[in-house]
């Protein structure tokens, strides 16, 4: 069995972060400076400035957030 890394990810908007938070879905936090994933987990709190995951604050200036978007969820439900 061969695993391939998914390269086409979509960064989450504030609305998507809120949706993931309400559903309790995990998100991936990607550091722009280090160019690697630094955290993965459920959103504990969020604002327009960033999120808290695993008791750590991540600013949206230094990090990208990946997860399920509303559009993807609607697509799967059809």
PDB file of N, CA and C in Angstrom:
ATOM      1  N   UNK A   1       0.843  -1.166   0.000  1.00  0.00           N
ATOM      2  CA  UNK A   1       0.000   0.000   0.000  1.00  0.00           C
ATOM      3  C   UNK A   1       0.898   1.242   0.000  1.00  0.00           C
ATOM      4  N   UNK A   2       0.602   2.174  -0.881  1.00  0.00           N
ATOM      5  CA  UNK A   2       1.406   3.385  -1.002  1.00  0.00           C
ATOM      6  C   UNK A   2       0.600   4.588  -0.534  1.00  0.00           C
ATOM      7  N   UNK A   3       1.222   5.423   0.288  1.00  0.00           N
ATOM      8  CA  UNK A   3       0.580   6.633   0.764  1.00  0.00           C
ATOM      9  C   UNK A   3       1.161   7.828   0.030  1.00  0.00           C
ATOM     10  N   UNK A   4       0.307   8.725  -0.378  1.00  0.00           N
ATOM     11  CA  UNK A   4       0.767   9.946  -1.028  1.00  0.00           C
ATOM     12  C   UNK A   4       0.284  11.142  -0.231  1.00  0.00           C
ATOM     13  N   UNK A   5       1.128  12.169  -0.142  1.00  0.00           N
ATOM     14  CA  UNK A   5       0.781  13.364   0.604  1.00  0.00           C
ATOM     15  C   UNK A   5      -0.120  14.254  -0.249  1.00  0.00           C
ATOM     16  N   UNK A   6      -1.183  14.741   0.348  1.00  0.00           N
ATOM     17  CA  UNK A   6      -2.111  15.619  -0.351  1.00  0.00           C
ATOM     18  C   UNK A   6      -1.515  17.017  -0.455  1.00  0.00           C
ATOM     19  N   UNK A   7      -1.356  17.520  -1.654  1.00  0.00           N
ATOM     20  CA  UNK A   7      -0.720  18.816  -1.847  1.00  0.00           C
ATOM     21  C   UNK A   7      -1.717  19.942  -2.071  1.00  0.00           C
ATOM     22  N   UNK A   8      -2.937  19.625  -2.410  1.00  0.00           N
ATOM     23  CA  UNK A   8      -3.919  20.668  -2.726  1.00  0.00           C
ATOM     24  C   UNK A   8      -4.856  20.917  -1.545  1.00  0.00           C
ATOM     25  N   UNK A   9      -4.376  21.679  -0.572  1.00  0.00           N
ATOM     26  CA  UNK A   9      -5.172  22.002   0.607  1.00  0.00           C
ATOM     27  C   UNK A   9      -5.702  23.416   0.481  1.00  0.00           C
ATOM     28  N   UNK A  10      -6.813  23.678   1.125  1.00  0.00           N
ATOM     29  CA  UNK A  10      -7.422  24.996   1.107  1.00  0.00           C
ATOM     30  C   UNK A  10      -7.372  25.578   2.517  1.00  0.00           C
ATOM     31  N   UNK A  11      -6.846  26.778   2.626  1.00  0.00           N
ATOM     32  CA  UNK A  11      -6.778  27.461   3.909  1.00  0.00           C
ATOM     33  C   UNK A  11      -8.191  27.802   4.379  1.00  0.00           C
ATOM     34  N   UNK A  12      -8.429  27.676   5.678  1.00  0.00           N
ATOM     35  CA  UNK A  12      -9.760  27.914   6.235  1.00  0.00           C
ATOM     36  C   UNK A  12     -10.038  29.399   6.454  1.00  0.00           C
ATOM     37  N   UNK A  13     -11.268  29.798   6.185  1.00  0.00           N
ATOM     38  CA  UNK A  13     -11.722  31.157   6.470  1.00  0.00           C
ATOM     39  C   UNK A  13     -12.244  31.204   7.910  1.00  0.00           C
ATOM     40  N   UNK A  14     -12.600  32.394   8.367  1.00  0.00           N
ATOM     41  CA  UNK A  14     -13.170  32.540   9.716  1.00  0.00           C
ATOM     42  C   UNK A  14     -14.464  31.737   9.836  1.00  0.00           C
ATOM     43  N   UNK A  15     -15.292  31.766   8.800  1.00  0.00           N
ATOM     44  CA  UNK A  15     -16.540  30.989   8.817  1.00  0.00           C
ATOM     45  C   UNK A  15     -16.257  29.494   8.906  1.00  0.00           C
ATOM     46  N   UNK A  16     -15.232  29.025   8.184  1.00  0.00           N
ATOM     47  CA  UNK A  16     -14.868  27.608   8.229  1.00  0.00           C
ATOM     48  C   UNK A  16     -14.323  27.225   9.603  1.00  0.00           C
ATOM     49  N   UNK A  17     -13.533  28.115  10.214  1.00  0.00           N
ATOM     50  CA  UNK A  17     -13.030  27.853  11.567  1.00  0.00           C
ATOM     51  C   UNK A  17     -14.184  27.732  12.558  1.00  0.00           C
ATOM     52  N   UNK A  18     -15.159  28.620  12.426  1.00  0.00           N
ATOM     53  CA  UNK A  18     -16.332  28.572  13.309  1.00  0.00           C
ATOM     54  C   UNK A  18     -17.095  27.261  13.115  1.00  0.00           C
ATOM     55  N   UNK A  19     -17.245  26.842  11.866  1.00  0.00           N
ATOM     56  CA  UNK A  19     -17.956  25.595  11.557  1.00  0.00           C
ATOM     57  C   UNK A  19     -17.228  24.385  12.133  1.00  0.00           C
ATOM     58  N   UNK A  20     -15.900  24.334  11.969  1.00  0.00           N
ATOM     59  CA  UNK A  20     -15.106  23.244  12.535  1.00  0.00           C
ATOM     60  C   UNK A  20     -15.176  23.244  14.059  1.00  0.00           C
ATOM     61  N   UNK A  21     -15.170  24.432  14.660  1.00  0.00           N
ATOM     62  CA  UNK A  21     -15.271  24.563  16.108  1.00  0.00           C
ATOM     63  C   UNK A  21     -16.606  24.022  16.616  1.00  0.00           C
ATOM     64  N   UNK A  22     -17.699  24.409  15.957  1.00  0.00           N
ATOM     65  CA  UNK A  22     -19.032  23.959  16.372  1.00  0.00           C
ATOM     66  C   UNK A  22     -19.194  22.451  16.257  1.00  0.00           C
ATOM     67  N   UNK A  23     -18.606  21.863  15.198  1.00  0.00           N
ATOM     68  CA  UNK A  23     -18.717  20.412  15.004  1.00  0.00           C
ATOM     69  C   UNK A  23     -17.676  19.613  15.786  1.00  0.00           C
ATOM     70  N   UNK A  24     -16.682  20.300  16.337  1.00  0.00           N
ATOM     71  CA  UNK A  24     -15.620  19.614  17.072  1.00  0.00           C
ATOM     72  C   UNK A  24     -14.631  18.898  16.174  1.00  0.00           C
ATOM     73  N   UNK A  25     -14.488  19.378  14.946  1.00  0.00           N
ATOM     74  CA  UNK A  25     -13.574  18.749  13.994  1.00  0.00           C
ATOM     75  C   UNK A  25     -12.148  19.250  14.201  1.00  0.00           C
ATOM     76  N   UNK A  26     -11.166  18.412  14.000  1.00  0.00           N
ATOM     77  CA  UNK A  26      -9.772  18.851  14.156  1.00  0.00           C
ATOM     78  C   UNK A  26      -9.312  19.661  12.942  1.00  0.00           C
ATOM     79  N   UNK A  27      -8.318  20.520  13.180  1.00  0.00           N
ATOM     80  CA  UNK A  27      -7.693  21.272  12.097  1.00  0.00           C
ATOM     81  C   UNK A  27      -6.182  21.063  12.154  1.00  0.00           C
ATOM     82  N   UNK A  28      -5.537  21.357  11.063  1.00  0.00           N
ATOM     83  CA  UNK A  28      -4.081  21.273  10.970  1.00  0.00           C
ATOM     84  C   UNK A  28      -3.530  22.685  11.000  1.00  0.00           C
ATOM     85  N   UNK A  29      -2.480  22.917  11.804  1.00  0.00           N
ATOM     86  CA  UNK A  29      -1.834  24.214  11.876  1.00  0.00           C
ATOM     87  C   UNK A  29      -0.478  24.083  11.194  1.00  0.00           C
ATOM     88  N   UNK A  30      -0.273  24.899  10.145  1.00  0.00           N
ATOM     89  CA  UNK A  30       0.938  24.846   9.333  1.00  0.00           C
ATOM     90  C   UNK A  30       1.726  26.138   9.534  1.00  0.00           C
ATOM     91  N   UNK A  31       3.001  26.011   9.943  1.00  0.00           N
ATOM     92  CA  UNK A  31       3.858  27.170  10.169  1.00  0.00           C
ATOM     93  C   UNK A  31       4.448  27.629   8.838  1.00  0.00           C
ATOM     94  N   UNK A  32       4.237  28.891   8.506  1.00  0.00           N
ATOM     95  CA  UNK A  32       4.733  29.441   7.249  1.00  0.00           C
ATOM     96  C   UNK A  32       6.256  29.564   7.272  1.00  0.00           C
ATOM     97  N   UNK A  33       6.816  29.918   8.416  1.00  0.00           N
ATOM     98  CA  UNK A  33       8.270  30.108   8.516  1.00  0.00           C
ATOM     99  C   UNK A  33       9.031  28.782   8.461  1.00  0.00           C
ATOM    100  N   UNK A  34       8.551  27.780   9.186  1.00  0.00           N
ATOM    101  CA  UNK A  34       9.214  26.471   9.230  1.00  0.00           C
ATOM    102  C   UNK A  34       8.824  25.576   8.065  1.00  0.00           C
ATOM    103  N   UNK A  35       7.727  25.946   7.382  1.00  0.00           N
ATOM    104  CA  UNK A  35       7.203  25.173   6.256  1.00  0.00           C
ATOM    105  C   UNK A  35       6.880  23.729   6.641  1.00  0.00           C
ATOM    106  N   UNK A  36       6.226  23.578   7.817  1.00  0.00           N
ATOM    107  CA  UNK A  36       5.799  22.246   8.252  1.00  0.00           C
ATOM    108  C   UNK A  36       4.616  22.357   9.205  1.00  0.00           C
ATOM    109  N   UNK A  37       3.911  21.255   9.364  1.00  0.00           N
ATOM    110  CA  UNK A  37       2.786  21.188  10.290  1.00  0.00           C
ATOM    111  C   UNK A  37       3.322  21.179  11.715  1.00  0.00           C
ATOM    112  N   UNK A  38       2.776  22.062  12.557  1.00  0.00           N
ATOM    113  CA  UNK A  38       3.238  22.154  13.938  1.00  0.00           C
ATOM    114  C   UNK A  38       2.215  21.655  14.954  1.00  0.00           C
ATOM    115  N   UNK A  39       0.951  21.533  14.530  1.00  0.00           N
ATOM    116  CA  UNK A  39      -0.075  21.052  15.456  1.00  0.00           C
ATOM    117  C   UNK A  39      -1.270  20.504  14.684  1.00  0.00           C
ATOM    118  N   UNK A  40      -2.025  19.656  15.387  1.00  0.00           N
ATOM    119  CA  UNK A  40      -3.244  19.079  14.838  1.00  0.00           C
ATOM    120  C   UNK A  40      -4.170  18.805  16.002  1.00  0.00           C
ATOM    121  N   UNK A  41      -5.392  19.288  15.926  1.00  0.00           N
ATOM    122  CA  UNK A  41      -6.329  19.020  17.010  1.00  0.00           C
ATOM    123  C   UNK A  41      -7.582  19.864  16.903  1.00  0.00           C
ATOM    124  N   UNK A  42      -8.443  19.700  17.891  1.00  0.00           N
ATOM    125  CA  UNK A  42      -9.698  20.457  17.947  1.00  0.00           C
ATOM    126  C   UNK A  42      -9.434  21.897  18.362  1.00  0.00           C
ATOM    127  N   UNK A  43     -10.273  22.779  17.863  1.00  0.00           N
ATOM    128  CA  UNK A  43     -10.177  24.194  18.210  1.00  0.00           C
ATOM    129  C   UNK A  43     -10.778  24.393  19.595  1.00  0.00           C
ATOM    130  N   UNK A  44      -9.985  24.960  20.508  1.00  0.00           N
ATOM    131  CA  UNK A  44     -10.477  25.251  21.850  1.00  0.00           C
ATOM    132  C   UNK A  44     -11.135  26.627  21.904  1.00  0.00           C
ATOM    133  N   UNK A  45     -10.607  27.574  21.134  1.00  0.00           N
ATOM    134  CA  UNK A  45     -11.173  28.919  21.021  1.00  0.00           C
ATOM    135  C   UNK A  45     -10.622  29.535  19.740  1.00  0.00           C
ATOM    136  N   UNK A  46     -11.358  30.524  19.203  1.00  0.00           N
ATOM    137  CA  UNK A  46     -10.873  31.187  17.997  1.00  0.00           C
ATOM    138  C   UNK A  46     -11.390  32.616  17.944  1.00  0.00           C
ATOM    139  N   UNK A  47     -10.703  33.428  17.166  1.00  0.00           N
ATOM    140  CA  UNK A  47     -11.136  34.800  16.884  1.00  0.00           C
ATOM    141  C   UNK A  47     -10.640  35.145  15.493  1.00  0.00           C
ATOM    142  N   UNK A  48     -10.858  36.387  15.073  1.00  0.00           N
ATOM    143  CA  UNK A  48     -10.396  36.780  13.745  1.00  0.00           C
ATOM    144  C   UNK A  48      -8.872  36.903  13.685  1.00  0.00           C
ATOM    145  N   UNK A  49      -8.204  36.831  14.837  1.00  0.00           N
ATOM    146  CA  UNK A  49      -6.747  36.949  14.898  1.00  0.00           C
ATOM    147  C   UNK A  49      -6.030  35.605  14.939  1.00  0.00           C
ATOM    148  N   UNK A  50      -6.725  34.520  15.281  1.00  0.00           N
ATOM    149  CA  UNK A  50      -6.082  33.214  15.358  1.00  0.00           C
ATOM    150  C   UNK A  50      -6.919  32.207  16.129  1.00  0.00           C
ATOM    151  N   UNK A  51      -6.277  31.089  16.476  1.00  0.00           N
ATOM    152  CA  UNK A  51      -6.974  30.016  17.186  1.00  0.00           C
ATOM    153  C   UNK A  51      -6.131  29.496  18.350  1.00  0.00           C
ATOM    154  N   UNK A  52      -6.802  28.773  19.239  1.00  0.00           N
ATOM    155  CA  UNK A  52      -6.109  28.047  20.309  1.00  0.00           C
ATOM    156  C   UNK A  52      -6.377  26.563  20.075  1.00  0.00           C
ATOM    157  N   UNK A  53      -5.297  25.807  19.909  1.00  0.00           N
ATOM    158  CA  UNK A  53      -5.358  24.356  19.732  1.00  0.00           C
ATOM    159  C   UNK A  53      -4.309  23.746  20.651  1.00  0.00           C
ATOM    160  N   UNK A  54      -4.689  22.721  21.381  1.00  0.00           N
ATOM    161  CA  UNK A  54      -3.780  22.040  22.315  1.00  0.00           C
ATOM    162  C   UNK A  54      -3.128  23.029  23.283  1.00  0.00           C
ATOM    163  N   UNK A  55      -3.916  23.962  23.794  1.00  0.00           N
ATOM    164  CA  UNK A  55      -3.516  24.960  24.784  1.00  0.00           C
ATOM    165  C   UNK A  55      -2.392  25.875  24.293  1.00  0.00           C
ATOM    166  N   UNK A  56      -2.300  26.077  22.980  1.00  0.00           N
ATOM    167  CA  UNK A  56      -1.312  26.962  22.382  1.00  0.00           C
ATOM    168  C   UNK A  56      -2.021  27.927  21.433  1.00  0.00           C
ATOM    169  N   UNK A  57      -1.616  29.186  21.455  1.00  0.00           N
ATOM    170  CA  UNK A  57      -2.214  30.199  20.593  1.00  0.00           C
ATOM    171  C   UNK A  57      -1.455  30.251  19.276  1.00  0.00           C
ATOM    172  N   UNK A  58      -2.203  30.234  18.168  1.00  0.00           N
ATOM    173  CA  UNK A  58      -1.618  30.308  16.836  1.00  0.00           C
ATOM    174  C   UNK A  58      -2.236  31.501  16.107  1.00  0.00           C
ATOM    175  N   UNK A  59      -1.396  32.468  15.737  1.00  0.00           N
ATOM    176  CA  UNK A  59      -1.841  33.672  15.035  1.00  0.00           C
ATOM    177  C   UNK A  59      -2.025  33.387  13.554  1.00  0.00           C
ATOM    178  N   UNK A  60      -3.024  34.001  12.950  1.00  0.00           N
ATOM    179  CA  UNK A  60      -3.229  33.775  11.528  1.00  0.00           C
ATOM    180  C   UNK A  60      -2.238  34.557  10.668  1.00  0.00           C
ATOM    181  N   UNK A  61      -1.381  35.360  11.281  1.00  0.00           N
ATOM    182  CA  UNK A  61      -0.310  36.037  10.550  1.00  0.00           C
ATOM    183  C   UNK A  61       0.860  35.093  10.291  1.00  0.00           C
ATOM    184  N   UNK A  62       1.114  34.166  11.214  1.00  0.00           N
ATOM    185  CA  UNK A  62       2.272  33.280  11.115  1.00  0.00           C
ATOM    186  C   UNK A  62       1.927  31.844  10.732  1.00  0.00           C
ATOM    187  N   UNK A  63       0.641  31.509  10.755  1.00  0.00           N
ATOM    188  CA  UNK A  63       0.226  30.123  10.519  1.00  0.00           C
ATOM    189  C   UNK A  63      -0.929  30.060   9.531  1.00  0.00           C
ATOM    190  N   UNK A  64      -1.026  28.929   8.841  1.00  0.00           N
ATOM    191  CA  UNK A  64      -2.175  28.627   7.995  1.00  0.00           C
ATOM    192  C   UNK A  64      -2.968  27.523   8.663  1.00  0.00           C
ATOM    193  N   UNK A  65      -4.277  27.565   8.532  1.00  0.00           N
ATOM    194  CA  UNK A  65      -5.145  26.563   9.142  1.00  0.00           C
ATOM    195  C   UNK A  65      -5.829  25.773   8.038  1.00  0.00           C
ATOM    196  N   UNK A  66      -5.713  24.449   8.124  1.00  0.00           N
ATOM    197  CA  UNK A  66      -6.327  23.564   7.144  1.00  0.00           C
ATOM    198  C   UNK A  66      -7.318  22.644   7.838  1.00  0.00           C
ATOM    199  N   UNK A  67      -8.392  22.338   7.165  1.00  0.00           N
ATOM    200  CA  UNK A  67      -9.406  21.449   7.700  1.00  0.00           C
ATOM    201  C   UNK A  67     -10.536  21.317   6.708  1.00  0.00           C
ATOM    202  N   UNK A  68     -11.668  20.906   7.194  1.00  0.00           N
ATOM    203  CA  UNK A  68     -12.831  20.727   6.343  1.00  0.00           C
ATOM    204  C   UNK A  68     -13.547  22.056   6.156  1.00  0.00           C
ATOM    205  N   UNK A  69     -13.854  22.397   4.912  1.00  0.00           N
ATOM    206  CA  UNK A  69     -14.576  23.632   4.635  1.00  0.00           C
ATOM    207  C   UNK A  69     -16.069  23.331   4.515  1.00  0.00           C
ATOM    208  N   UNK A  70     -16.887  24.361   4.648  1.00  0.00           N
ATOM    209  CA  UNK A  70     -18.335  24.191   4.511  1.00  0.00           C
ATOM    210  C   UNK A  70     -18.680  23.614   3.143  1.00  0.00           C
ATOM    211  N   UNK A  71     -17.991  24.063   2.103  1.00  0.00           N
ATOM    212  CA  UNK A  71     -18.265  23.593   0.748  1.00  0.00           C
ATOM    213  C   UNK A  71     -18.004  22.097   0.606  1.00  0.00           C
ATOM    214  N   UNK A  72     -16.936  21.598   1.213  1.00  0.00           N
ATOM    215  CA  UNK A  72     -16.632  20.173   1.147  1.00  0.00           C
ATOM    216  C   UNK A  72     -17.684  19.344   1.872  1.00  0.00           C
ATOM    217  N   UNK A  73     -18.137  19.851   3.004  1.00  0.00           N
ATOM    218  CA  UNK A  73     -19.158  19.128   3.780  1.00  0.00           C
ATOM    219  C   UNK A  73     -20.453  19.078   2.995  1.00  0.00           C
ATOM    220  N   UNK A  74     -20.856  20.205   2.393  1.00  0.00           N
ATOM    221  CA  UNK A  74     -22.087  20.213   1.596  1.00  0.00           C
ATOM    222  C   UNK A  74     -21.975  19.283   0.399  1.00  0.00           C
ATOM    223  N   UNK A  75     -20.804  19.212  -0.217  1.00  0.00           N
ATOM    224  CA  UNK A  75     -20.585  18.345  -1.356  1.00  0.00           C
ATOM    225  C   UNK A  75     -20.767  16.878  -0.967  1.00  0.00           C
ATOM    226  N   UNK A  76     -20.256  16.484   0.204  1.00  0.00           N
ATOM    227  CA  UNK A  76     -20.366  15.095   0.667  1.00  0.00           C
ATOM    228  C   UNK A  76     -21.777  14.720   1.074  1.00  0.00           C
ATOM    229  N   UNK A  77     -22.581  15.709   1.480  1.00  0.00           N
ATOM    230  CA  UNK A  77     -23.934  15.422   1.921  1.00  0.00           C
ATOM    231  C   UNK A  77     -24.914  15.260   0.768  1.00  0.00           C
ATOM    232  N   UNK A  78     -24.548  15.709  -0.429  1.00  0.00           N
ATOM    233  CA  UNK A  78     -25.456  15.627  -1.571  1.00  0.00           C
ATOM    234  C   UNK A  78     -25.509  14.235  -2.145  1.00  0.00           C
TER     235      UNK A  78
END
